[in-house]
C-alpha atoms as a PDB file:
ATOM      1  CA  UNK A   1     -40.844 -13.920 -14.145  1.00  0.00           C
ATOM      2  CA  UNK A   2     -39.737 -14.397 -10.512  1.00  0.00           C
ATOM      3  CA  UNK A   3     -36.350 -15.990 -11.413  1.00  0.00           C
ATOM      4  CA  UNK A   4     -35.605 -13.060 -13.763  1.00  0.00           C
ATOM      5  CA  UNK A   5     -36.285 -10.435 -11.070  1.00  0.00           C
ATOM      6  CA  UNK A   6     -34.399 -12.431  -8.459  1.00  0.00           C
ATOM      7  CA  UNK A   7     -31.408 -12.729 -10.813  1.00  0.00           C
ATOM      8  CA  UNK A   8     -31.285  -8.962 -11.363  1.00  0.00           C
ATOM      9  CA  UNK A   9     -31.524  -8.342  -7.621  1.00  0.00           C
ATOM     10  CA  UNK A  10     -28.730 -10.801  -6.839  1.00  0.00           C
ATOM     11  CA  UNK A  11     -26.565  -9.298  -9.603  1.00  0.00           C
ATOM     12  CA  UNK A  12     -26.989  -5.821  -8.099  1.00  0.00           C
ATOM     13  CA  UNK A  13     -26.027  -7.143  -4.658  1.00  0.00           C
ATOM     14  CA  UNK A  14     -22.921  -8.869  -6.034  1.00  0.00           C
ATOM     15  CA  UNK A  15     -21.860  -5.725  -7.901  1.00  0.00           C
ATOM     16  CA  UNK A  16     -22.147  -3.689  -4.705  1.00  0.00           C
ATOM     17  CA  UNK A  17     -20.176  -6.340  -2.802  1.00  0.00           C
ATOM     18  CA  UNK A  18     -17.374  -6.428  -5.394  1.00  0.00           C
ATOM     19  CA  UNK A  19     -17.220  -2.654  -5.629  1.00  0.00           C
ATOM     20  CA  UNK A  20     -16.952  -2.472  -1.846  1.00  0.00           C
ATOM     21  CA  UNK A  21     -14.108  -4.999  -1.898  1.00  0.00           C
ATOM     22  CA  UNK A  22     -12.049  -3.512  -4.749  1.00  0.00           C
ATOM     23  CA  UNK A  23     -12.785   0.213  -4.914  1.00  0.00           C
ATOM     24  CA  UNK A  24     -13.236   0.819  -1.192  1.00  0.00           C
ATOM     25  CA  UNK A  25     -11.567  -1.728   1.078  1.00  0.00           C
ATOM     26  CA  UNK A  26      -8.964  -2.763  -1.505  1.00  0.00           C
ATOM     27  CA  UNK A  27      -7.957   0.826  -2.193  1.00  0.00           C
ATOM     28  CA  UNK A  28      -7.809   1.494   1.548  1.00  0.00           C
ATOM     29  CA  UNK A  29      -5.478  -1.479   2.073  1.00  0.00           C
ATOM     30  CA  UNK A  30      -3.304  -0.376  -0.857  1.00  0.00           C
ATOM     31  CA  UNK A  31      -2.902   3.098   0.624  1.00  0.00           C
ATOM     32  CA  UNK A  32      -1.941   1.648   4.013  1.00  0.00           C
ATOM     33  CA  UNK A  33       0.748  -0.517   2.381  1.00  0.00           C
ATOM     34  CA  UNK A  34       1.982   2.392   0.232  1.00  0.00           C
ATOM     35  CA  UNK A  35       2.294   4.697   3.231  1.00  0.00           C
ATOM     36  CA  UNK A  36       4.393   2.086   5.057  1.00  0.00           C
ATOM     37  CA  UNK A  37       6.605   1.613   1.983  1.00  0.00           C
ATOM     38  CA  UNK A  38       7.117   5.365   1.517  1.00  0.00           C
ATOM     39  CA  UNK A  39       7.922   5.787   5.212  1.00  0.00           C
ATOM     40  CA  UNK A  40      10.606   3.082   5.000  1.00  0.00           C
ATOM     41  CA  UNK A  41      12.191   4.846   2.017  1.00  0.00           C
ATOM     42  CA  UNK A  42      11.924   8.503   3.042  1.00  0.00           C
ATOM     43  CA  UNK A  43      12.705   8.040   6.763  1.00  0.00           C
ATOM     44  CA  UNK A  44      15.750   5.712   6.736  1.00  0.00           C
ATOM     45  CA  UNK A  45      18.118   4.842   9.526  1.00  0.00           C
ATOM     46  CA  UNK A  46      17.855   3.259  12.946  1.00  0.00           C
ATOM     47  CA  UNK A  47      17.315   6.671  14.546  1.00  0.00           C
ATOM     48  CA  UNK A  48      13.895   6.937  12.859  1.00  0.00           C
ATOM     49  CA  UNK A  49      12.831   3.333  13.503  1.00  0.00           C
ATOM     50  CA  UNK A  50      10.364   4.332  16.228  1.00  0.00           C
ATOM     51  CA  UNK A  51       8.852   6.967  13.915  1.00  0.00           C
ATOM     52  CA  UNK A  52       8.362   4.388  11.147  1.00  0.00           C
ATOM     53  CA  UNK A  53       6.765   1.971  13.615  1.00  0.00           C
ATOM     54  CA  UNK A  54       4.398   4.729  14.750  1.00  0.00           C
ATOM     55  CA  UNK A  55       3.376   5.448  11.160  1.00  0.00           C
ATOM     56  CA  UNK A  56       2.747   1.769  10.449  1.00  0.00           C
ATOM     57  CA  UNK A  57       0.738   1.310  13.638  1.00  0.00           C
ATOM     58  CA  UNK A  58      -1.460   4.312  12.905  1.00  0.00           C
ATOM     59  CA  UNK A  59      -2.077   3.119   9.355  1.00  0.00           C
ATOM     60  CA  UNK A  60      -3.046  -0.383  10.523  1.00  0.00           C
ATOM     61  CA  UNK A  61      -5.333   1.005  13.220  1.00  0.00           C
ATOM     62  CA  UNK A  62      -7.469   2.556  10.474  1.00  0.00           C
ATOM     63  CA  UNK A  63      -8.346  -0.947   9.217  1.00  0.00           C
ATOM     64  CA  UNK A  64      -9.614  -1.997  12.626  1.00  0.00           C
ATOM     65  CA  UNK A  65     -11.549   1.253  12.982  1.00  0.00           C
ATOM     66  CA  UNK A  66     -13.236   0.677   9.595  1.00  0.00           C
ATOM     67  CA  UNK A  67     -14.552  -2.685  10.797  1.00  0.00           C
ATOM     68  CA  UNK A  68     -15.755  -1.136  14.055  1.00  0.00           C
ATOM     69  CA  UNK A  69     -17.417   1.654  12.113  1.00  0.00           C
ATOM     70  CA  UNK A  70     -19.378  -0.983  10.157  1.00  0.00           C
ATOM     71  CA  UNK A  71     -20.342  -2.801  13.377  1.00  0.00           C
ATOM     72  CA  UNK A  72     -21.034   0.442  15.283  1.00  0.00           C
ATOM     73  CA  UNK A  73     -18.408  -0.484  17.869  1.00  0.00           C
ATOM     74  CA  UNK A  74     -16.764   2.500  19.535  1.00  0.00           C
ATOM     75  CA  UNK A  75     -14.201   0.725  21.736  1.00  0.00           C
ATOM     76  CA  UNK A  76     -10.517   1.633  21.365  1.00  0.00           C
ATOM     77  CA  UNK A  77      -9.066   0.135  24.549  1.00  0.00           C
ATOM     78  CA  UNK A  78      -7.768  -3.026  22.897  1.00  0.00           C
ATOM     79  CA  UNK A  79      -6.067  -0.970  20.165  1.00  0.00           C
ATOM     80  CA  UNK A  80      -4.118   0.854  22.883  1.00  0.00           C
ATOM     81  CA  UNK A  81      -3.196  -2.449  24.542  1.00  0.00           C
ATOM     82  CA  UNK A  82      -1.992  -3.894  21.223  1.00  0.00           C
ATOM     83  CA  UNK A  83       0.140  -0.816  20.527  1.00  0.00           C
ATOM     84  CA  UNK A  84      -1.725   0.456  17.473  1.00  0.00           C
ATOM     85  CA  UNK A  85      -2.715   3.671  19.275  1.00  0.00           C
ATOM     86  CA  UNK A  86      -1.333   5.643  22.154  1.00  0.00           C
ATOM     87  CA  UNK A  87      -3.556   6.713  25.017  1.00  0.00           C
ATOM     88  CA  UNK A  88      -3.502  10.308  23.786  1.00  0.00           C
ATOM     89  CA  UNK A  89      -4.480   9.279  20.269  1.00  0.00           C
ATOM     90  CA  UNK A  90      -7.281   7.061  21.573  1.00  0.00           C
ATOM     91  CA  UNK A  91      -8.672   9.930  23.670  1.00  0.00           C
ATOM     92  CA  UNK A  92      -8.603  12.209  20.640  1.00  0.00           C
ATOM     93  CA  UNK A  93     -10.413   9.604  18.519  1.00  0.00           C
ATOM     94  CA  UNK A  94     -13.062   9.025  21.191  1.00  0.00           C
ATOM     95  CA  UNK A  95     -14.138  12.648  20.772  1.00  0.00           C
ATOM     96  CA  UNK A  96     -15.100  11.978  17.136  1.00  0.00           C
ATOM     97  CA  UNK A  97     -18.169  10.005  15.999  1.00  0.00           C
ATOM     98  CA  UNK A  98     -17.608   6.329  15.257  1.00  0.00           C
ATOM     99  CA  UNK A  99     -18.229   6.813  11.537  1.00  0.00           C
ATOM    100  CA  UNK A 100     -15.501   9.466  11.274  1.00  0.00           C
ATOM    101  CA  UNK A 101     -12.722   7.850  13.317  1.00  0.00           C
ATOM    102  CA  UNK A 102     -11.018   5.983  10.436  1.00  0.00           C
ATOM    103  CA  UNK A 103     -10.821   9.264   8.498  1.00  0.00           C
ATOM    104  CA  UNK A 104      -9.509  11.177  11.511  1.00  0.00           C
ATOM    105  CA  UNK A 105      -6.684   8.631  11.786  1.00  0.00           C
ATOM    106  CA  UNK A 106      -5.368   9.635   8.367  1.00  0.00           C
ATOM    107  CA  UNK A 107      -5.458  13.300   9.351  1.00  0.00           C
ATOM    108  CA  UNK A 108      -3.367  12.443  12.424  1.00  0.00           C
ATOM    109  CA  UNK A 109      -1.069  10.306  10.289  1.00  0.00           C
ATOM    110  CA  UNK A 110      -0.546  13.057   7.725  1.00  0.00           C
ATOM    111  CA  UNK A 111       0.232  15.567  10.460  1.00  0.00           C
ATOM    112  CA  UNK A 112       2.807  13.207  12.022  1.00  0.00           C
ATOM    113  CA  UNK A 113       4.453  12.644   8.629  1.00  0.00           C
ATOM    114  CA  UNK A 114       4.526  16.394   7.982  1.00  0.00           C
ATOM    115  CA  UNK A 115       6.235  17.121  11.306  1.00  0.00           C
ATOM    116  CA  UNK A 116       8.726  14.307  10.744  1.00  0.00           C
ATOM    117  CA  UNK A 117       9.371  15.583   7.225  1.00  0.00           C
ATOM    118  CA  UNK A 118      10.261  19.023   8.585  1.00  0.00           C
ATOM    119  CA  UNK A 119      12.642  17.344  10.999  1.00  0.00           C
ATOM    120  CA  UNK A 120      14.528  15.410   8.297  1.00  0.00           C
ATOM    121  CA  UNK A 121      14.142  18.231   5.734  1.00  0.00           C
ATOM    122  CA  UNK A 122      12.115  16.117   3.318  1.00  0.00           C
ATOM    123  CA  UNK A 123      11.458  17.897   0.004  1.00  0.00           C
ATOM    124  CA  UNK A 124       7.975  19.150  -0.781  1.00  0.00           C
ATOM    125  CA  UNK A 125       7.307  16.673  -3.653  1.00  0.00           C
ATOM    126  CA  UNK A 126       7.890  13.758  -1.282  1.00  0.00           C
ATOM    127  CA  UNK A 127       5.433  15.248   1.203  1.00  0.00           C
ATOM    128  CA  UNK A 128       2.890  15.568  -1.578  1.00  0.00           C
ATOM    129  CA  UNK A 129       3.137  11.814  -2.247  1.00  0.00           C
ATOM    130  CA  UNK A 130       2.227  11.071   1.372  1.00  0.00           C
ATOM    131  CA  UNK A 131      -0.562  13.607   1.184  1.00  0.00           C
ATOM    132  CA  UNK A 132      -2.058  11.994  -1.919  1.00  0.00           C
ATOM    133  CA  UNK A 133      -1.990   8.549  -0.296  1.00  0.00           C
ATOM    134  CA  UNK A 134      -3.692   9.796   2.881  1.00  0.00           C
ATOM    135  CA  UNK A 135      -6.362  11.642   0.910  1.00  0.00           C
ATOM    136  CA  UNK A 136      -7.033   8.599  -1.253  1.00  0.00           C
ATOM    137  CA  UNK A 137      -7.318   6.400   1.842  1.00  0.00           C
ATOM    138  CA  UNK A 138      -9.772   8.851   3.386  1.00  0.00           C
ATOM    139  CA  UNK A 139     -11.834   8.747   0.198  1.00  0.00           C
ATOM    140  CA  UNK A 140     -11.833   4.941   0.332  1.00  0.00           C
ATOM    141  CA  UNK A 141     -13.151   5.023   3.909  1.00  0.00           C
ATOM    142  CA  UNK A 142     -15.832   7.467   2.819  1.00  0.00           C
ATOM    143  CA  UNK A 143     -16.760   5.065   0.001  1.00  0.00           C
ATOM    144  CA  UNK A 144     -17.177   2.242   2.548  1.00  0.00           C
ATOM    145  CA  UNK A 145     -19.352   4.457   4.702  1.00  0.00           C
ATOM    146  CA  UNK A 146     -21.484   5.390   1.684  1.00  0.00           C
ATOM    147  CA  UNK A 147     -22.015   1.756   0.702  1.00  0.00           C
ATOM    148  CA  UNK A 148     -23.007   0.747   4.211  1.00  0.00           C
ATOM    149  CA  UNK A 149     -25.357   3.653   4.820  1.00  0.00           C
ATOM    150  CA  UNK A 150     -26.963   3.695   1.363  1.00  0.00           C
ATOM    151  CA  UNK A 151     -28.738   0.387   0.798  1.00  0.00           C
ATOM    152  CA  UNK A 152     -30.796  -0.677  -2.187  1.00  0.00           C
ATOM    153  CA  UNK A 153     -34.247   1.002  -2.275  1.00  0.00           C
ATOM    154  CA  UNK A 154     -36.565  -0.535   0.292  1.00  0.00           C
ATOM    155  CA  UNK A 155     -39.543  -0.732  -2.062  1.00  0.00           C
ATOM    156  CA  UNK A 156     -37.462  -2.586  -4.656  1.00  0.00           C
ATOM    157  CA  UNK A 157     -36.216  -5.112  -2.091  1.00  0.00           C
ATOM    158  CA  UNK A 158     -39.729  -5.486  -0.663  1.00  0.00           C
ATOM    159  CA  UNK A 159     -41.107  -6.146  -4.150  1.00  0.00           C
ATOM    160  CA  UNK A 160     -38.470  -8.821  -4.865  1.00  0.00           C
ATOM    161  CA  UNK A 161     -39.201 -10.606  -1.576  1.00  0.00           C
ATOM    162  CA  UNK A 162     -42.954 -10.416  -2.199  1.00  0.00           C
ATOM    163  CA  UNK A 163     -42.573 -11.859  -5.726  1.00  0.00           C
ATOM    164  CA  UNK A 164     -40.366 -14.704  -4.471  1.00  0.00           C
ATOM    165  CA  UNK A 165     -42.772 -15.698  -1.706  1.00  0.00           C
ATOM    166  CA  UNK A 166     -45.743 -15.400  -4.062  1.00  0.00           C
ATOM    167  CA  UNK A 167     -43.913 -17.608  -6.558  1.00  0.00           C
ATOM    168  CA  UNK A 168     -43.178 -20.161  -3.835  1.00  0.00           C
ATOM    169  CA  UNK A 169     -46.846 -20.173  -2.815  1.00  0.00           C
ATOM    170  CA  UNK A 170     -47.943 -20.701  -6.433  1.00  0.00           C
ATOM    171  CA  UNK A 171     -45.421 -23.524  -6.824  1.00  0.00           C
ATOM    172  CA  UNK A 172     -46.747 -25.163  -3.670  1.00  0.00           C
ATOM    173  CA  UNK A 173     -50.317 -25.054  -4.948  1.00  0.00           C
ATOM    174  CA  UNK A 174     -49.339 -26.392  -8.387  1.00  0.00           C
ATOM    175  CA  UNK A 175     -47.185 -29.170  -6.990  1.00  0.00           C
ATOM    176  CA  UNK A 176     -49.941 -30.106  -4.523  1.00  0.00           C
ATOM    177  CA  UNK A 177     -52.457 -30.490  -7.335  1.00  0.00           C
ATOM    178  CA  UNK A 178     -50.136 -32.571  -9.496  1.00  0.00           C
ATOM    179  CA  UNK A 179     -49.123 -34.616  -6.477  1.00  0.00           C
ATOM    180  CA  UNK A 180     -52.785 -35.453  -5.853  1.00  0.00           C
ATOM    181  CA  UNK A 181     -53.156 -36.438  -9.500  1.00  0.00           C
ATOM    182  CA  UNK A 182     -50.103 -38.656  -9.273  1.00  0.00           C
ATOM    183  CA  UNK A 183     -51.411 -40.342  -6.161  1.00  0.00           C
ATOM    184  CA  UNK A 184     -54.783 -40.914  -7.814  1.00  0.00           C
ATOM    185  CA  UNK A 185     -53.105 -42.386 -10.894  1.00  0.00           C
ATOM    186  CA  UNK A 186     -50.594 -44.249  -8.719  1.00  0.00           C
ATOM    187  CA  UNK A 187     -47.789 -42.803 -10.841  1.00  0.00           C
ATOM    188  CA  UNK A 188     -44.561 -42.938  -8.863  1.00  0.00           C
ATOM    189  CA  UNK A 189     -42.782 -40.797 -11.462  1.00  0.00           C
ATOM    190  CA  UNK A 190     -45.223 -37.887 -11.059  1.00  0.00           C
ATOM    191  CA  UNK A 191     -45.097 -38.181  -7.293  1.00  0.00           C
ATOM    192  CA  UNK A 192     -41.294 -38.161  -7.225  1.00  0.00           C
ATOM    193  CA  UNK A 193     -41.056 -35.246  -9.679  1.00  0.00           C
ATOM    194  CA  UNK A 194     -43.483 -33.033  -7.771  1.00  0.00           C
ATOM    195  CA  UNK A 195     -41.917 -33.821  -4.386  1.00  0.00           C
ATOM    196  CA  UNK A 196     -38.448 -32.985  -5.731  1.00  0.00           C
ATOM    197  CA  UNK A 197     -39.730 -29.744  -7.277  1.00  0.00           C
ATOM    198  CA  UNK A 198     -41.526 -28.540  -4.146  1.00  0.00           C
ATOM    199  CA  UNK A 199     -38.571 -29.393  -1.889  1.00  0.00           C
ATOM    200  CA  UNK A 200     -35.765 -27.877  -4.016  1.00  0.00           C
ATOM    201  CA  UNK A 201     -37.004 -24.833  -5.979  1.00  0.00           C
ATOM    202  CA  UNK A 202     -38.631 -22.770  -3.162  1.00  0.00           C
ATOM    203  CA  UNK A 203     -35.674 -23.459  -0.881  1.00  0.00           C
ATOM    204  CA  UNK A 204     -33.303 -22.323  -3.638  1.00  0.00           C
ATOM    205  CA  UNK A 205     -35.147 -19.027  -4.091  1.00  0.00           C
ATOM    206  CA  UNK A 206     -35.186 -18.376  -0.340  1.00  0.00           C
ATOM    207  CA  UNK A 207     -31.467 -19.206  -0.121  1.00  0.00           C
ATOM    208  CA  UNK A 208     -30.644 -16.680  -2.837  1.00  0.00           C
ATOM    209  CA  UNK A 209     -32.546 -14.035  -0.868  1.00  0.00           C
ATOM    210  CA  UNK A 210     -30.458 -14.873   2.200  1.00  0.00           C
ATOM    211  CA  UNK A 211     -27.232 -14.604   0.184  1.00  0.00           C
ATOM    212  CA  UNK A 212     -28.249 -11.176  -1.078  1.00  0.00           C
ATOM    213  CA  UNK A 213     -28.994 -10.116   2.507  1.00  0.00           C
ATOM    214  CA  UNK A 214     -25.563 -11.222   3.728  1.00  0.00           C
ATOM    215  CA  UNK A 215     -23.799  -9.447   0.851  1.00  0.00           C
ATOM    216  CA  UNK A 216     -25.295  -6.099   1.849  1.00  0.00           C
ATOM    217  CA  UNK A 217     -22.957  -5.820   4.869  1.00  0.00           C
ATOM    218  CA  UNK A 218     -19.774  -7.918   4.498  1.00  0.00           C
ATOM    219  CA  UNK A 219     -18.066  -6.580   7.632  1.00  0.00           C
ATOM    220  CA  UNK A 220     -19.480  -9.096  10.081  1.00  0.00           C
ATOM    221  CA  UNK A 221     -18.558 -12.624  11.140  1.00  0.00           C
ATOM    222  CA  UNK A 222     -20.657 -14.530   8.611  1.00  0.00           C
ATOM    223  CA  UNK A 223     -19.221 -17.035   6.157  1.00  0.00           C
ATOM    224  CA  UNK A 224     -19.510 -14.664   3.175  1.00  0.00           C
ATOM    225  CA  UNK A 225     -18.055 -11.641   4.983  1.00  0.00           C
ATOM    226  CA  UNK A 226     -14.619 -10.217   4.234  1.00  0.00           C
ATOM    227  CA  UNK A 227     -11.708 -11.950   6.034  1.00  0.00           C
ATOM    228  CA  UNK A 228     -10.399  -8.697   7.477  1.00  0.00           C
ATOM    229  CA  UNK A 229      -7.895 -10.433   9.752  1.00  0.00           C
ATOM    230  CA  UNK A 230      -6.322 -12.218   6.760  1.00  0.00           C
ATOM    231  CA  UNK A 231      -6.118  -8.949   4.820  1.00  0.00           C
ATOM    232  CA  UNK A 232      -4.492  -7.227   7.791  1.00  0.00           C
ATOM    233  CA  UNK A 233      -1.966 -10.017   8.256  1.00  0.00           C
ATOM    234  CA  UNK A 234      -1.042  -9.834   4.563  1.00  0.00           C
ATOM    235  CA  UNK A 235      -0.439  -6.075   4.797  1.00  0.00           C
ATOM    236  CA  UNK A 236       1.563  -6.540   8.013  1.00  0.00           C
ATOM    237  CA  UNK A 237       3.781  -9.153   6.359  1.00  0.00           C
ATOM    238  CA  UNK A 238       4.339  -6.790   3.451  1.00  0.00           C
ATOM    239  CA  UNK A 239       5.335  -4.000   5.850  1.00  0.00           C
ATOM    240  CA  UNK A 240       7.881  -6.256   7.539  1.00  0.00           C
ATOM    241  CA  UNK A 241       9.288  -7.350   4.179  1.00  0.00           C
ATOM    242  CA  UNK A 242       9.651  -3.735   3.053  1.00  0.00           C
ATOM    243  CA  UNK A 243      11.356  -2.781   6.305  1.00  0.00           C
ATOM    244  CA  UNK A 244      13.841  -5.660   6.083  1.00  0.00           C
ATOM    245  CA  UNK A 245      14.457  -5.026   2.373  1.00  0.00           C
ATOM    246  CA  UNK A 246      15.103  -1.312   2.722  1.00  0.00           C
ATOM    247  CA  UNK A 247      17.208  -2.000   5.819  1.00  0.00           C
ATOM    248  CA  UNK A 248      19.532  -4.330   3.896  1.00  0.00           C
ATOM    249  CA  UNK A 249      19.813  -1.795   1.071  1.00  0.00           C
ATOM    250  CA  UNK A 250      20.659   0.943   3.574  1.00  0.00           C
ATOM    251  CA  UNK A 251      23.364  -1.203   5.170  1.00  0.00           C
ATOM    252  CA  UNK A 252      24.889  -1.998   1.788  1.00  0.00           C
ATOM    253  CA  UNK A 253      24.755   1.652   0.773  1.00  0.00           C
ATOM    254  CA  UNK A 254      26.408   2.728   4.005  1.00  0.00           C
ATOM    255  CA  UNK A 255      29.121   0.108   3.502  1.00  0.00           C
ATOM    256  CA  UNK A 256      29.798   1.301  -0.048  1.00  0.00           C
ATOM    257  CA  UNK A 257      29.819   4.884   1.189  1.00  0.00           C
ATOM    258  CA  UNK A 258      32.444   4.039   3.821  1.00  0.00           C
ATOM    259  CA  UNK A 259      34.594   2.210   1.263  1.00  0.00           C
ATOM    260  CA  UNK A 260      34.308   5.123  -1.140  1.00  0.00           C
ATOM    261  CA  UNK A 261      35.296   7.616   1.542  1.00  0.00           C
ATOM    262  CA  UNK A 262      38.204   5.415   2.574  1.00  0.00           C
ATOM    263  CA  UNK A 263      39.351   5.269  -1.052  1.00  0.00           C
ATOM    264  CA  UNK A 264      39.086   9.062  -1.331  1.00  0.00           C
ATOM    265  CA  UNK A 265      41.115   9.536   1.859  1.00  0.00           C
ATOM    266  CA  UNK A 266      43.785   7.128   0.624  1.00  0.00           C
ATOM    267  CA  UNK A 267      44.110   8.866  -2.754  1.00  0.00           C
ATOM    268  CA  UNK A 268      44.217  12.259  -1.073  1.00  0.00           C
ATOM    269  CA  UNK A 269      46.939  11.148   1.322  1.00  0.00           C
ATOM    270  CA  UNK A 270      49.063   9.784  -1.542  1.00  0.00           C
ATOM    271  CA  UNK A 271      48.584  12.936  -3.612  1.00  0.00           C
ATOM    272  CA  UNK A 272      49.559  15.196  -0.712  1.00  0.00           C
ATOM    273  CA  UNK A 273      52.575  13.016   0.145  1.00  0.00           C
ATOM    274  CA  UNK A 274      53.901  13.079  -3.438  1.00  0.00           C
ATOM    275  CA  UNK A 275      53.161  16.726  -4.188  1.00  0.00           C
ATOM    276  CA  UNK A 276      56.123  19.120  -4.656  1.00  0.00           C
ATOM    277  CA  UNK A 277      56.357  22.122  -2.347  1.00  0.00           C
ATOM    278  CA  UNK A 278      55.166  25.472  -3.583  1.00  0.00           C
ATOM    279  CA  UNK A 279      57.834  28.142  -4.194  1.00  0.00           C
ATOM    280  CA  UNK A 280      55.386  31.027  -3.838  1.00  0.00           C
ATOM    281  CA  UNK A 281      54.554  30.585  -0.183  1.00  0.00           C
ATOM    282  CA  UNK A 282      55.723  33.311   2.129  1.00  0.00           C
ATOM    283  CA  UNK A 283      57.506  32.672   5.379  1.00  0.00           C
ATOM    284  CA  UNK A 284      55.369  31.467   8.221  1.00  0.00           C
ATOM    285  CA  UNK A 285      52.554  30.236   5.951  1.00  0.00           C
ATOM    286  CA  UNK A 286      51.939  26.551   5.361  1.00  0.00           C
ATOM    287  CA  UNK A 287      53.047  25.399   1.951  1.00  0.00           C
ATOM    288  CA  UNK A 288      50.269  24.264  -0.380  1.00  0.00           C
ATOM    289  CA  UNK A 289      51.113  21.683  -2.995  1.00  0.00           C
ATOM    290  CA  UNK A 290      50.131  22.572  -6.550  1.00  0.00           C
ATOM    291  CA  UNK A 291      50.641  20.857  -9.874  1.00  0.00           C
ATOM    292  CA  UNK A 292      51.276  22.672 -13.132  1.00  0.00           C
ATOM    293  CA  UNK A 293      48.836  22.012 -15.912  1.00  0.00           C
ATOM    294  CA  UNK A 294      49.544  23.302 -19.390  1.00  0.00           C
ATOM    295  CA  UNK A 295      46.529  24.968 -21.019  1.00  0.00           C
ATOM    296  CA  UNK A 296      45.973  27.136 -24.042  1.00  0.00           C
ATOM    297  CA  UNK A 297      44.508  30.636 -23.766  1.00  0.00           C
ATOM    298  CA  UNK A 298      41.978  32.082 -26.143  1.00  0.00           C
ATOM    299  CA  UNK A 299      44.640  33.890 -28.113  1.00  0.00           C
ATOM    300  CA  UNK A 300      46.487  31.629 -30.563  1.00  0.00           C
ATOM    301  CA  UNK A 301      50.053  30.767 -29.689  1.00  0.00           C
ATOM    302  CA  UNK A 302      49.750  31.956 -26.080  1.00  0.00           C
ATOM    303  CA  UNK A 303      50.555  29.431 -23.339  1.00  0.00           C
ATOM    304  CA  UNK A 304      49.807  30.053 -19.657  1.00  0.00           C
ATOM    305  CA  UNK A 305      50.467  28.023 -16.552  1.00  0.00           C
ATOM    306  CA  UNK A 306      47.536  27.082 -14.332  1.00  0.00           C
ATOM    307  CA  UNK A 307      47.895  25.325 -11.004  1.00  0.00           C
ATOM    308  CA  UNK A 308      45.383  23.045  -9.273  1.00  0.00           C
ATOM    309  CA  UNK A 309      45.286  21.857  -5.666  1.00  0.00           C
ATOM    310  CA  UNK A 310      45.683  18.197  -4.577  1.00  0.00           C
ATOM    311  CA  UNK A 311      41.998  18.012  -3.565  1.00  0.00           C
ATOM    312  CA  UNK A 312      40.960  19.068  -7.058  1.00  0.00           C
ATOM    313  CA  UNK A 313      43.272  16.489  -8.556  1.00  0.00           C
ATOM    314  CA  UNK A 314      41.823  13.827  -6.249  1.00  0.00           C
ATOM    315  CA  UNK A 315      38.273  14.718  -7.311  1.00  0.00           C
ATOM    316  CA  UNK A 316      39.301  14.496 -10.957  1.00  0.00           C
ATOM    317  CA  UNK A 317      40.953  11.123 -10.370  1.00  0.00           C
ATOM    318  CA  UNK A 318      37.950   9.692  -8.530  1.00  0.00           C
ATOM    319  CA  UNK A 319      35.615  10.926 -11.265  1.00  0.00           C
ATOM    320  CA  UNK A 320      37.793   9.273 -13.886  1.00  0.00           C
ATOM    321  CA  UNK A 321      37.768   6.013 -11.924  1.00  0.00           C
ATOM    322  CA  UNK A 322      33.940   6.165 -11.659  1.00  0.00           C
ATOM    323  CA  UNK A 323      33.689   6.600 -15.428  1.00  0.00           C
ATOM    324  CA  UNK A 324      36.090   3.707 -15.943  1.00  0.00           C
ATOM    325  CA  UNK A 325      34.013   1.471 -13.661  1.00  0.00           C
ATOM    326  CA  UNK A 326      30.855   2.407 -15.535  1.00  0.00           C
ATOM    327  CA  UNK A 327      32.476   1.520 -18.862  1.00  0.00           C
ATOM    328  CA  UNK A 328      33.672  -1.807 -17.442  1.00  0.00           C
ATOM    329  CA  UNK A 329      30.142  -2.653 -16.255  1.00  0.00           C
ATOM    330  CA  UNK A 330      28.732  -1.772 -19.660  1.00  0.00           C
ATOM    331  CA  UNK A 331      31.363  -3.946 -21.323  1.00  0.00           C
ATOM    332  CA  UNK A 332      30.515  -6.833 -18.984  1.00  0.00           C
ATOM    333  CA  UNK A 333      26.832  -6.520 -19.835  1.00  0.00           C
ATOM    334  CA  UNK A 334      27.644  -6.512 -23.543  1.00  0.00           C
ATOM    335  CA  UNK A 335      29.761  -9.654 -23.147  1.00  0.00           C
ATOM    336  CA  UNK A 336      26.878 -11.429 -21.361  1.00  0.00           C
ATOM    337  CA  UNK A 337      24.511 -10.460 -24.192  1.00  0.00           C
ATOM    338  CA  UNK A 338      26.950 -11.852 -26.779  1.00  0.00           C
ATOM    339  CA  UNK A 339      27.333 -15.078 -24.803  1.00  0.00           C
ATOM    340  CA  UNK A 340      23.568 -15.502 -24.654  1.00  0.00           C
ATOM    341  CA  UNK A 341      23.227 -14.704 -28.355  1.00  0.00           C
ATOM    342  CA  UNK A 342      25.949 -17.047 -29.640  1.00  0.00           C
ATOM    343  CA  UNK A 343      25.743 -19.764 -26.985  1.00  0.00           C
END
C-alpha cells in the first residue's frame, strides 16, 4: 500500500516539475529568443545596433529576475553592473514587488519596441507580433509564479510522509523479528536477507521523499534544479548567431542593391546618350528625348503615335532583364533536376 501511494505522489511531483520546465520556463525562454530574432529582422542596420542590444539585454534580464523571484532575492545591482539593466530601469523595477518584476520587464520591453517602431515606421502587424511574444512571456512568468506559490495540498503530503514512516517502522519490526529467528536458527541466509531488507528498503522510501521535496522548487542550487545559467548561455549564443546571420544577409542585400542601382544608372545614361532630340521643344526649354512606339487605337484601322521617356524605357528594360534572369534560374533548376533524375 505504501509503495503505491508513494509512487502516485512522486508521479505528481514529476508532472509538476516537467510542466514547469516546458510550459513555463521553456516558453519564457522561447519568447526571449523570438523577441531577439524579430528585433534583428525588423530593426536592421548599424544605426539601430544599440537599440537591438538594449532589447536583448532587457529580455535576458527577465530570466535572471525569474530566478530571483523564486529565491525571493530583490537585488538588481549586479544586473546594472553586467549591463542587462540601466540605473533608471533598475530604480523603476525596485518600486515593484519581487514577484512582479519579471513581468514588468516585458511591459518596459514592449514600450521600448513600440517607440522604436514609431521611429522606423514599422507596420502595425509587425508590432502585433512583438506584442504577442511579450504577452506570452508574461503569461509564462505568471505560470512559474503559480507553480511556486501553489504547492500540493499539505494534508496529502503529510499523509504520504506519515504512511512512509509508518511503513518503515513496520518493516523494522518485521525484520527485527525475523533477524532474531535467523540468529536462533543460526541461518546465515535469513540473517543476510533481513539485514539487506532493513538497510535498503526504508532508505529507498526516504530518498524518494527527498527527491519529491527537491522537485517542488527547481530554481535553487541543488543537483536536480534547473541549470538556468546553461539555458541562458544557450539563448545568448542563439542571439549572437541571429545577429551575425542577419548582418551578413543585410550586407549582401545592400551590395546587390548598389549593383542594381549602378546597372540602372548605366542603362539610363546609355539611353539618354543615344536618344534623338525632340522636335517639339520650344526655344529656351531643355530638349527631352522621346521614342516613338507604334500602337493601335480602339477603332480598327486607326494608328496613333505614342511617345515614352528614356526613364520609362529604362524601367521597361530592367523589368525585362529581371524576367529573363528569373527564367534562367528556373531553367538552371530544371537542368539540375534532370541531372539528378538521369544520373
